[in-house]
Structures are given as structure tokens and as C-alpha cells.
mmCIF file of all heavy atoms, coordinates in Angstrom:
data_MODEL
# 
_entry.id   MODEL 
# 
loop_
_atom_site.group_PDB 
_atom_site.id 
_atom_site.type_symbol 
_atom_site.label_atom_id 
_atom_site.label_alt_id 
_atom_site.label_comp_id 
_atom_site.label_asym_id 
_atom_site.label_entity_id 
_atom_site.label_seq_id 
_atom_site.pdbx_PDB_ins_code 
_atom_site.Cartn_x 
_atom_site.Cartn_y 
_atom_site.Cartn_z 
_atom_site.occupancy 
_atom_site.B_iso_or_equiv 
_atom_site.pdbx_formal_charge 
_atom_site.auth_seq_id 
_atom_site.auth_comp_id 
_atom_site.auth_asym_id 
_atom_site.auth_atom_id 
_atom_site.pdbx_PDB_model_num 
ATOM 1   N N   . SER A 1 1  ? -106.127 101.962 -4.103  1.00 0.00 ? 1  SER A N   1 
ATOM 2   C CA  . SER A 1 1  ? -105.929 102.685 -5.358  1.00 0.00 ? 1  SER A CA  1 
ATOM 3   C C   . SER A 1 1  ? -107.217 103.358 -5.822  1.00 0.00 ? 1  SER A C   1 
ATOM 4   O O   . SER A 1 1  ? -107.189 104.444 -6.426  1.00 0.00 ? 1  SER A O   1 
ATOM 5   C CB  . SER A 1 1  ? -105.397 101.745 -6.435  1.00 0.00 ? 1  SER A CB  1 
ATOM 6   O OG  . SER A 1 1  ? -106.262 100.639 -6.619  1.00 0.00 ? 1  SER A OG  1 
ATOM 7   N N   . GLU A 1 2  ? -108.358 102.744 -5.534  1.00 0.00 ? 2  GLU A N   1 
ATOM 8   C CA  . GLU A 1 2  ? -109.640 103.350 -5.912  1.00 0.00 ? 2  GLU A CA  1 
ATOM 9   C C   . GLU A 1 2  ? -109.865 104.652 -5.157  1.00 0.00 ? 2  GLU A C   1 
ATOM 10  O O   . GLU A 1 2  ? -110.323 105.652 -5.730  1.00 0.00 ? 2  GLU A O   1 
ATOM 11  C CB  . GLU A 1 2  ? -110.777 102.361 -5.626  1.00 0.00 ? 2  GLU A CB  1 
ATOM 12  C CG  . GLU A 1 2  ? -112.143 102.866 -6.047  1.00 0.00 ? 2  GLU A CG  1 
ATOM 13  C CD  . GLU A 1 2  ? -113.233 101.851 -5.794  1.00 0.00 ? 2  GLU A CD  1 
ATOM 14  O OE1 . GLU A 1 2  ? -112.913 100.692 -5.468  1.00 0.00 ? 2  GLU A OE1 1 
ATOM 15  O OE2 . GLU A 1 2  ? -114.421 102.220 -5.916  1.00 0.00 ? 2  GLU A OE2 1 
ATOM 16  N N   . TRP A 1 3  ? -109.534 104.659 -3.863  1.00 0.00 ? 3  TRP A N   1 
ATOM 17  C CA  . TRP A 1 3  ? -109.678 105.886 -3.084  1.00 0.00 ? 3  TRP A CA  1 
ATOM 18  C C   . TRP A 1 3  ? -108.737 106.977 -3.600  1.00 0.00 ? 3  TRP A C   1 
ATOM 19  O O   . TRP A 1 3  ? -109.127 108.145 -3.716  1.00 0.00 ? 3  TRP A O   1 
ATOM 20  C CB  . TRP A 1 3  ? -109.413 105.625 -1.605  1.00 0.00 ? 3  TRP A CB  1 
ATOM 21  C CG  . TRP A 1 3  ? -109.263 106.897 -0.828  1.00 0.00 ? 3  TRP A CG  1 
ATOM 22  C CD1 . TRP A 1 3  ? -108.113 107.463 -0.374  1.00 0.00 ? 3  TRP A CD1 1 
ATOM 23  C CD2 . TRP A 1 3  ? -110.315 107.804 -0.477  1.00 0.00 ? 3  TRP A CD2 1 
ATOM 24  N NE1 . TRP A 1 3  ? -108.372 108.652 0.253   1.00 0.00 ? 3  TRP A NE1 1 
ATOM 25  C CE2 . TRP A 1 3  ? -109.717 108.891 0.206   1.00 0.00 ? 3  TRP A CE2 1 
ATOM 26  C CE3 . TRP A 1 3  ? -111.701 107.806 -0.666  1.00 0.00 ? 3  TRP A CE3 1 
ATOM 27  C CZ2 . TRP A 1 3  ? -110.458 109.958 0.694   1.00 0.00 ? 3  TRP A CZ2 1 
ATOM 28  C CZ3 . TRP A 1 3  ? -112.447 108.879 -0.173  1.00 0.00 ? 3  TRP A CZ3 1 
ATOM 29  C CH2 . TRP A 1 3  ? -111.821 109.938 0.494   1.00 0.00 ? 3  TRP A CH2 1 
ATOM 30  N N   . LEU A 1 4  ? -107.500 106.600 -3.924  1.00 0.00 ? 4  LEU A N   1 
ATOM 31  C CA  . LEU A 1 4  ? -106.558 107.594 -4.433  1.00 0.00 ? 4  LEU A CA  1 
ATOM 32  C C   . LEU A 1 4  ? -107.066 108.214 -5.726  1.00 0.00 ? 4  LEU A C   1 
ATOM 33  O O   . LEU A 1 4  ? -106.931 109.422 -5.944  1.00 0.00 ? 4  LEU A O   1 
ATOM 34  C CB  . LEU A 1 4  ? -105.182 106.960 -4.652  1.00 0.00 ? 4  LEU A CB  1 
ATOM 35  C CG  . LEU A 1 4  ? -104.376 106.569 -3.415  1.00 0.00 ? 4  LEU A CG  1 
ATOM 36  C CD1 . LEU A 1 4  ? -102.955 106.182 -3.830  1.00 0.00 ? 4  LEU A CD1 1 
ATOM 37  C CD2 . LEU A 1 4  ? -104.329 107.675 -2.377  1.00 0.00 ? 4  LEU A CD2 1 
ATOM 38  N N   . GLN A 1 5  ? -107.631 107.407 -6.594  1.00 0.00 ? 5  GLN A N   1 
ATOM 39  C CA  . GLN A 1 5  ? -108.157 107.934 -7.849  1.00 0.00 ? 5  GLN A CA  1 
ATOM 40  C C   . GLN A 1 5  ? -109.306 108.897 -7.585  1.00 0.00 ? 5  GLN A C   1 
ATOM 41  O O   . GLN A 1 5  ? -109.400 109.963 -8.216  1.00 0.00 ? 5  GLN A O   1 
ATOM 42  C CB  . GLN A 1 5  ? -108.622 106.781 -8.744  1.00 0.00 ? 5  GLN A CB  1 
ATOM 43  C CG  . GLN A 1 5  ? -109.158 107.217 -10.096 1.00 0.00 ? 5  GLN A CG  1 
ATOM 44  C CD  . GLN A 1 5  ? -108.120 107.959 -10.944 1.00 0.00 ? 5  GLN A CD  1 
ATOM 45  O OE1 . GLN A 1 5  ? -106.908 107.691 -10.831 1.00 0.00 ? 5  GLN A OE1 1 
ATOM 46  N NE2 . GLN A 1 5  ? -108.569 108.891 -11.765 1.00 0.00 ? 5  GLN A NE2 1 
ATOM 47  N N   . PHE A 1 6  ? -110.170 108.550 -6.661  1.00 0.00 ? 6  PHE A N   1 
ATOM 48  C CA  . PHE A 1 6  ? -111.287 109.417 -6.285  1.00 0.00 ? 6  PHE A CA  1 
ATOM 49  C C   . PHE A 1 6  ? -110.770 110.747 -5.729  1.00 0.00 ? 6  PHE A C   1 
ATOM 50  O O   . PHE A 1 6  ? -111.262 111.828 -6.087  1.00 0.00 ? 6  PHE A O   1 
ATOM 51  C CB  . PHE A 1 6  ? -112.156 108.696 -5.257  1.00 0.00 ? 6  PHE A CB  1 
ATOM 52  C CG  . PHE A 1 6  ? -113.357 109.471 -4.804  1.00 0.00 ? 6  PHE A CG  1 
ATOM 53  C CD1 . PHE A 1 6  ? -114.370 109.792 -5.689  1.00 0.00 ? 6  PHE A CD1 1 
ATOM 54  C CD2 . PHE A 1 6  ? -113.466 109.884 -3.476  1.00 0.00 ? 6  PHE A CD2 1 
ATOM 55  C CE1 . PHE A 1 6  ? -115.488 110.512 -5.269  1.00 0.00 ? 6  PHE A CE1 1 
ATOM 56  C CE2 . PHE A 1 6  ? -114.578 110.596 -3.048  1.00 0.00 ? 6  PHE A CE2 1 
ATOM 57  C CZ  . PHE A 1 6  ? -115.591 110.910 -3.951  1.00 0.00 ? 6  PHE A CZ  1 
ATOM 58  N N   . ALA A 1 7  ? -109.760 110.678 -4.859  1.00 0.00 ? 7  ALA A N   1 
ATOM 59  C CA  . ALA A 1 7  ? -109.187 111.892 -4.275  1.00 0.00 ? 7  ALA A CA  1 
ATOM 60  C C   . ALA A 1 7  ? -108.517 112.749 -5.339  1.00 0.00 ? 7  ALA A C   1 
ATOM 61  O O   . ALA A 1 7  ? -108.629 113.985 -5.330  1.00 0.00 ? 7  ALA A O   1 
ATOM 62  C CB  . ALA A 1 7  ? -108.178 111.517 -3.191  1.00 0.00 ? 7  ALA A CB  1 
ATOM 63  N N   . ARG A 1 8  ? -107.862 112.107 -6.279  1.00 0.00 ? 8  ARG A N   1 
ATOM 64  C CA  . ARG A 1 8  ? -107.172 112.865 -7.325  1.00 0.00 ? 8  ARG A CA  1 
ATOM 65  C C   . ARG A 1 8  ? -108.159 113.576 -8.247  1.00 0.00 ? 8  ARG A C   1 
ATOM 66  O O   . ARG A 1 8  ? -107.939 114.724 -8.648  1.00 0.00 ? 8  ARG A O   1 
ATOM 67  C CB  . ARG A 1 8  ? -106.273 111.948 -8.142  1.00 0.00 ? 8  ARG A CB  1 
ATOM 68  C CG  . ARG A 1 8  ? -105.507 112.718 -9.204  1.00 0.00 ? 8  ARG A CG  1 
ATOM 69  C CD  . ARG A 1 8  ? -104.334 111.975 -9.751  1.00 0.00 ? 8  ARG A CD  1 
ATOM 70  N NE  . ARG A 1 8  ? -103.433 112.904 -10.422 1.00 0.00 ? 8  ARG A NE  1 
ATOM 71  C CZ  . ARG A 1 8  ? -102.269 112.571 -10.933 1.00 0.00 ? 8  ARG A CZ  1 
ATOM 72  N NH1 . ARG A 1 8  ? -101.837 111.323 -10.833 1.00 0.00 ? 8  ARG A NH1 1 
ATOM 73  N NH2 . ARG A 1 8  ? -101.511 113.470 -11.535 1.00 0.00 ? 8  ARG A NH2 1 
ATOM 74  N N   . GLU A 1 9  ? -109.230 112.904 -8.582  1.00 0.00 ? 9  GLU A N   1 
ATOM 75  C CA  . GLU A 1 9  ? -110.235 113.541 -9.437  1.00 0.00 ? 9  GLU A CA  1 
ATOM 76  C C   . GLU A 1 9  ? -110.812 114.774 -8.746  1.00 0.00 ? 9  GLU A C   1 
ATOM 77  O O   . GLU A 1 9  ? -111.030 115.811 -9.392  1.00 0.00 ? 9  GLU A O   1 
ATOM 78  C CB  . GLU A 1 9  ? -111.340 112.531 -9.766  1.00 0.00 ? 9  GLU A CB  1 
ATOM 79  C CG  . GLU A 1 9  ? -110.880 111.431 -10.723 1.00 0.00 ? 9  GLU A CG  1 
ATOM 80  C CD  . GLU A 1 9  ? -111.898 110.311 -10.864 1.00 0.00 ? 9  GLU A CD  1 
ATOM 81  O OE1 . GLU A 1 9  ? -112.953 110.378 -10.184 1.00 0.00 ? 9  GLU A OE1 1 
ATOM 82  O OE2 . GLU A 1 9  ? -111.654 109.372 -11.642 1.00 0.00 ? 9  GLU A OE2 1 
ATOM 83  N N   . GLY A 1 10 ? -111.056 114.671 -7.450  1.00 0.00 ? 10 GLY A N   1 
ATOM 84  C CA  . GLY A 1 10 ? -111.542 115.825 -6.701  1.00 0.00 ? 10 GLY A CA  1 
ATOM 85  C C   . GLY A 1 10 ? -110.528 116.960 -6.684  1.00 0.00 ? 10 GLY A C   1 
ATOM 86  O O   . GLY A 1 10 ? -110.882 118.137 -6.807  1.00 0.00 ? 10 GLY A O   1 
ATOM 87  N N   . ALA A 1 11 ? -109.257 116.615 -6.546  1.00 0.00 ? 11 ALA A N   1 
ATOM 88  C CA  . ALA A 1 11 ? -108.204 117.632 -6.546  1.00 0.00 ? 11 ALA A CA  1 
ATOM 89  C C   . ALA A 1 11 ? -108.110 118.334 -7.892  1.00 0.00 ? 11 ALA A C   1 
ATOM 90  O O   . ALA A 1 11 ? -107.957 119.557 -7.956  1.00 0.00 ? 11 ALA A O   1 
ATOM 91  C CB  . ALA A 1 11 ? -106.873 116.987 -6.179  1.00 0.00 ? 11 ALA A CB  1 
ATOM 92  N N   . LYS A 1 12 ? -108.213 117.586 -8.967  1.00 0.00 ? 12 LYS A N   1 
ATOM 93  C CA  . LYS A 1 12 ? -108.143 118.190 -10.305 1.00 0.00 ? 12 LYS A CA  1 
ATOM 94  C C   . LYS A 1 12 ? -109.281 119.177 -10.530 1.00 0.00 ? 12 LYS A C   1 
ATOM 95  O O   . LYS A 1 12 ? -109.095 120.236 -11.125 1.00 0.00 ? 12 LYS A O   1 
ATOM 96  C CB  . LYS A 1 12 ? -108.183 117.097 -11.366 1.00 0.00 ? 12 LYS A CB  1 
ATOM 97  C CG  . LYS A 1 12 ? -106.869 116.357 -11.551 1.00 0.00 ? 12 LYS A CG  1 
ATOM 98  C CD  . LYS A 1 12 ? -106.959 115.374 -12.704 1.00 0.00 ? 12 LYS A CD  1 
ATOM 99  C CE  . LYS A 1 12 ? -105.613 114.730 -12.987 1.00 0.00 ? 12 LYS A CE  1 
ATOM 100 N NZ  . LYS A 1 12 ? -105.678 113.789 -14.125 1.00 0.00 ? 12 LYS A NZ  1 
ATOM 101 N N   . ARG A 1 13 ? -110.470 118.833 -10.037 1.00 0.00 ? 13 ARG A N   1 
ATOM 102 C CA  . ARG A 1 13 ? -111.630 119.718 -10.220 1.00 0.00 ? 13 ARG A CA  1 
ATOM 103 C C   . ARG A 1 13 ? -111.460 121.033 -9.462  1.00 0.00 ? 13 ARG A C   1 
ATOM 104 O O   . ARG A 1 13 ? -112.012 122.061 -9.855  1.00 0.00 ? 13 ARG A O   1 
ATOM 105 C CB  . ARG A 1 13 ? -112.912 119.028 -9.741  1.00 0.00 ? 13 ARG A CB  1 
ATOM 106 C CG  . ARG A 1 13 ? -113.402 117.911 -10.628 1.00 0.00 ? 13 ARG A CG  1 
ATOM 107 C CD  . ARG A 1 13 ? -114.834 117.520 -10.264 1.00 0.00 ? 13 ARG A CD  1 
ATOM 108 N NE  . ARG A 1 13 ? -114.963 117.111 -8.874  1.00 0.00 ? 13 ARG A NE  1 
ATOM 109 C CZ  . ARG A 1 13 ? -114.815 115.859 -8.455  1.00 0.00 ? 13 ARG A CZ  1 
ATOM 110 N NH1 . ARG A 1 13 ? -114.505 114.901 -9.323  1.00 0.00 ? 13 ARG A NH1 1 
ATOM 111 N NH2 . ARG A 1 13 ? -114.959 115.559 -7.177  1.00 0.00 ? 13 ARG A NH2 1 
ATOM 112 N N   . ASN A 1 14 ? -110.702 121.008 -8.393  1.00 0.00 ? 14 ASN A N   1 
ATOM 113 C CA  . ASN A 1 14 ? -110.637 122.178 -7.509  1.00 0.00 ? 14 ASN A CA  1 
ATOM 114 C C   . ASN A 1 14 ? -109.318 122.930 -7.535  1.00 0.00 ? 14 ASN A C   1 
ATOM 115 O O   . ASN A 1 14 ? -109.209 123.993 -6.924  1.00 0.00 ? 14 ASN A O   1 
ATOM 116 C CB  . ASN A 1 14 ? -110.928 121.724 -6.073  1.00 0.00 ? 14 ASN A CB  1 
ATOM 117 C CG  . ASN A 1 14 ? -112.373 121.326 -5.882  1.00 0.00 ? 14 ASN A CG  1 
ATOM 118 O OD1 . ASN A 1 14 ? -113.261 122.175 -5.873  1.00 0.00 ? 14 ASN A OD1 1 
ATOM 119 N ND2 . ASN A 1 14 ? -112.624 120.027 -5.743  1.00 0.00 ? 14 ASN A ND2 1 
ATOM 120 N N   . ALA A 1 15 ? -108.312 122.404 -8.214  1.00 0.00 ? 15 ALA A N   1 
ATOM 121 C CA  . ALA A 1 15 ? -106.985 123.025 -8.180  1.00 0.00 ? 15 ALA A CA  1 
ATOM 122 C C   . ALA A 1 15 ? -107.005 124.439 -8.744  1.00 0.00 ? 15 ALA A C   1 
ATOM 123 O O   . ALA A 1 15 ? -106.346 125.345 -8.218  1.00 0.00 ? 15 ALA A O   1 
ATOM 124 C CB  . ALA A 1 15 ? -105.982 122.161 -8.935  1.00 0.00 ? 15 ALA A CB  1 
ATOM 125 N N   . GLU A 1 16 ? -107.765 124.665 -9.803  1.00 0.00 ? 16 GLU A N   1 
ATOM 126 C CA  . GLU A 1 16 ? -107.795 125.994 -10.413 1.00 0.00 ? 16 GLU A CA  1 
ATOM 127 C C   . GLU A 1 16 ? -108.383 127.030 -9.460  1.00 0.00 ? 16 GLU A C   1 
ATOM 128 O O   . GLU A 1 16 ? -107.929 128.179 -9.411  1.00 0.00 ? 16 GLU A O   1 
ATOM 129 C CB  . GLU A 1 16 ? -108.613 125.953 -11.706 1.00 0.00 ? 16 GLU A CB  1 
ATOM 130 C CG  . GLU A 1 16 ? -108.480 127.219 -12.537 1.00 0.00 ? 16 GLU A CG  1 
ATOM 131 C CD  . GLU A 1 16 ? -109.070 127.078 -13.925 1.00 0.00 ? 16 GLU A CD  1 
ATOM 132 O OE1 . GLU A 1 16 ? -109.342 125.943 -14.353 1.00 0.00 ? 16 GLU A OE1 1 
ATOM 133 O OE2 . GLU A 1 16 ? -109.254 128.122 -14.590 1.00 0.00 ? 16 GLU A OE2 1 
ATOM 134 N N   . THR A 1 17 ? -109.368 126.627 -8.670  1.00 0.00 ? 17 THR A N   1 
ATOM 135 C CA  . THR A 1 17 ? -109.955 127.538 -7.685  1.00 0.00 ? 17 THR A CA  1 
ATOM 136 C C   . THR A 1 17 ? -108.910 127.961 -6.652  1.00 0.00 ? 17 THR A C   1 
ATOM 137 O O   . THR A 1 17 ? -108.830 129.133 -6.272  1.00 0.00 ? 17 THR A O   1 
ATOM 138 C CB  . THR A 1 17 ? -111.142 126.866 -6.977  1.00 0.00 ? 17 THR A CB  1 
ATOM 139 O OG1 . THR A 1 17 ? -112.140 126.556 -7.954  1.00 0.00 ? 17 THR A OG1 1 
ATOM 140 C CG2 . THR A 1 17 ? -111.731 127.775 -5.913  1.00 0.00 ? 17 THR A CG2 1 
ATOM 141 N N   . VAL A 1 18 ? -108.104 127.018 -6.220  1.00 0.00 ? 18 VAL A N   1 
ATOM 142 C CA  . VAL A 1 18 ? -107.074 127.326 -5.232  1.00 0.00 ? 18 VAL A CA  1 
ATOM 143 C C   . VAL A 1 18 ? -106.012 128.236 -5.836  1.00 0.00 ? 18 VAL A C   1 
ATOM 144 O O   . VAL A 1 18 ? -105.603 129.235 -5.224  1.00 0.00 ? 18 VAL A O   1 
ATOM 145 C CB  . VAL A 1 18 ? -106.434 126.032 -4.695  1.00 0.00 ? 18 VAL A CB  1 
ATOM 146 C CG1 . VAL A 1 18 ? -105.282 126.349 -3.755  1.00 0.00 ? 18 VAL A CG1 1 
ATOM 147 C CG2 . VAL A 1 18 ? -107.469 125.186 -3.970  1.00 0.00 ? 18 VAL A CG2 1 
ATOM 148 N N   . VAL A 1 19 ? -105.566 127.922 -7.048  1.00 0.00 ? 19 VAL A N   1 
ATOM 149 C CA  . VAL A 1 19 ? -104.533 128.726 -7.698  1.00 0.00 ? 19 VAL A CA  1 
ATOM 150 C C   . VAL A 1 19 ? -105.017 130.150 -7.936  1.00 0.00 ? 19 VAL A C   1 
ATOM 151 O O   . VAL A 1 19 ? -104.243 131.115 -7.836  1.00 0.00 ? 19 VAL A O   1 
ATOM 152 C CB  . VAL A 1 19 ? -104.106 128.058 -9.026  1.00 0.00 ? 19 VAL A CB  1 
ATOM 153 C CG1 . VAL A 1 19 ? -103.224 128.991 -9.853  1.00 0.00 ? 19 VAL A CG1 1 
ATOM 154 C CG2 . VAL A 1 19 ? -103.373 126.753 -8.744  1.00 0.00 ? 19 VAL A CG2 1 
ATOM 155 N N   . GLY A 1 20 ? -106.292 130.318 -8.217  1.00 0.00 ? 20 GLY A N   1 
ATOM 156 C CA  . GLY A 1 20 ? -106.835 131.638 -8.512  1.00 0.00 ? 20 GLY A CA  1 
ATOM 157 C C   . GLY A 1 20 ? -107.246 132.450 -7.306  1.00 0.00 ? 20 GLY A C   1 
ATOM 158 O O   . GLY A 1 20 ? -107.724 133.579 -7.450  1.00 0.00 ? 20 GLY A O   1 
ATOM 159 N N   . SER A 1 21 ? -107.021 131.931 -6.119  1.00 0.00 ? 21 SER A N   1 
ATOM 160 C CA  . SER A 1 21 ? -107.441 132.641 -4.912  1.00 0.00 ? 21 SER A CA  1 
ATOM 161 C C   . SER A 1 21 ? -106.383 133.636 -4.447  1.00 0.00 ? 21 SER A C   1 
ATOM 162 O O   . SER A 1 21 ? -105.190 133.469 -4.715  1.00 0.00 ? 21 SER A O   1 
ATOM 163 C CB  . SER A 1 21 ? -107.728 131.644 -3.782  1.00 0.00 ? 21 SER A CB  1 
ATOM 164 O OG  . SER A 1 21 ? -106.543 130.980 -3.400  1.00 0.00 ? 21 SER A OG  1 
ATOM 165 N N   . ARG A 1 22 ? -106.827 134.666 -3.761  1.00 0.00 ? 22 ARG A N   1 
ATOM 166 C CA  . ARG A 1 22 ? -105.905 135.626 -3.157  1.00 0.00 ? 22 ARG A CA  1 
ATOM 167 C C   . ARG A 1 22 ? -105.210 135.022 -1.955  1.00 0.00 ? 22 ARG A C   1 
ATOM 168 O O   . ARG A 1 22 ? -104.024 135.239 -1.716  1.00 0.00 ? 22 ARG A O   1 
ATOM 169 C CB  . ARG A 1 22 ? -106.674 136.894 -2.757  1.00 0.00 ? 22 ARG A CB  1 
ATOM 170 C CG  . ARG A 1 22 ? -105.841 137.919 -1.996  1.00 0.00 ? 22 ARG A CG  1 
ATOM 171 C CD  . ARG A 1 22 ? -106.687 139.124 -1.611  1.00 0.00 ? 22 ARG A CD  1 
ATOM 172 N NE  . ARG A 1 22 ? -107.850 138.752 -0.823  1.00 0.00 ? 22 ARG A NE  1 
ATOM 173 C CZ  . ARG A 1 22 ? -107.835 138.517 0.493   1.00 0.00 ? 22 ARG A CZ  1 
ATOM 174 N NH1 . ARG A 1 22 ? -106.694 138.595 1.166   1.00 0.00 ? 22 ARG A NH1 1 
ATOM 175 N NH2 . ARG A 1 22 ? -108.941 138.197 1.130   1.00 0.00 ? 22 ARG A NH2 1 
ATOM 176 N N   . VAL A 1 23 ? -105.962 134.290 -1.173  1.00 0.00 ? 23 VAL A N   1 
ATOM 177 C CA  . VAL A 1 23 ? -105.430 133.622 -0.003  1.00 0.00 ? 23 VAL A CA  1 
ATOM 178 C C   . VAL A 1 23 ? -106.253 132.365 0.221   1.00 0.00 ? 23 VAL A C   1 
ATOM 179 O O   . VAL A 1 23 ? -107.435 132.320 -0.124  1.00 0.00 ? 23 VAL A O   1 
ATOM 180 C CB  . VAL A 1 23 ? -105.485 134.545 1.245   1.00 0.00 ? 23 VAL A CB  1 
ATOM 181 C CG1 . VAL A 1 23 ? -106.925 134.902 1.600   1.00 0.00 ? 23 VAL A CG1 1 
ATOM 182 C CG2 . VAL A 1 23 ? -104.798 133.899 2.436   1.00 0.00 ? 23 VAL A CG2 1 
ATOM 183 N N   . ALA A 1 24 ? -105.616 131.347 0.755   1.00 0.00 ? 24 ALA A N   1 
ATOM 184 C CA  . ALA A 1 24 ? -106.306 130.081 0.992   1.00 0.00 ? 24 ALA A CA  1 
ATOM 185 C C   . ALA A 1 24 ? -106.193 129.697 2.460   1.00 0.00 ? 24 ALA A C   1 
ATOM 186 O O   . ALA A 1 24 ? -105.183 129.969 3.118   1.00 0.00 ? 24 ALA A O   1 
ATOM 187 C CB  . ALA A 1 24 ? -105.721 128.978 0.102   1.00 0.00 ? 24 ALA A CB  1 
ATOM 188 N N   . PHE A 1 25 ? -107.228 129.055 2.949   1.00 0.00 ? 25 PHE A N   1 
ATOM 189 C CA  . PHE A 1 25 ? -107.248 128.500 4.298   1.00 0.00 ? 25 PHE A CA  1 
ATOM 190 C C   . PHE A 1 25 ? -107.586 127.013 4.186   1.00 0.00 ? 25 PHE A C   1 
ATOM 191 O O   . PHE A 1 25 ? -108.334 126.602 3.314   1.00 0.00 ? 25 PHE A O   1 
ATOM 192 C CB  . PHE A 1 25 ? -108.303 129.187 5.166   1.00 0.00 ? 25 PHE A CB  1 
ATOM 193 C CG  . PHE A 1 25 ? -108.117 130.662 5.326   1.00 0.00 ? 25 PHE A CG  1 
ATOM 194 C CD1 . PHE A 1 25 ? -108.812 131.557 4.528   1.00 0.00 ? 25 PHE A CD1 1 
ATOM 195 C CD2 . PHE A 1 25 ? -107.239 131.171 6.273   1.00 0.00 ? 25 PHE A CD2 1 
ATOM 196 C CE1 . PHE A 1 25 ? -108.640 132.923 4.663   1.00 0.00 ? 25 PHE A CE1 1 
ATOM 197 C CE2 . PHE A 1 25 ? -107.056 132.527 6.426   1.00 0.00 ? 25 PHE A CE2 1 
ATOM 198 C CZ  . PHE A 1 25 ? -107.755 133.409 5.619   1.00 0.00 ? 25 PHE A CZ  1 
# 
């Protein structure tokens, strides 16, 4: 559960960058 929380926090920080991109790889 600690790893999942760490992964989720990282995802939250970066989700807006992905949504705002023209294309993602």
C-alpha cells in the first residue's frame, strides 16, 4: 500500500502534463 500511495502521488503531479500534450509516448 505504501508503494501504491507513492505511485499515485507521482501520477497526480504529472497527469496535467499528459492531458495538456498534443501527443504522448
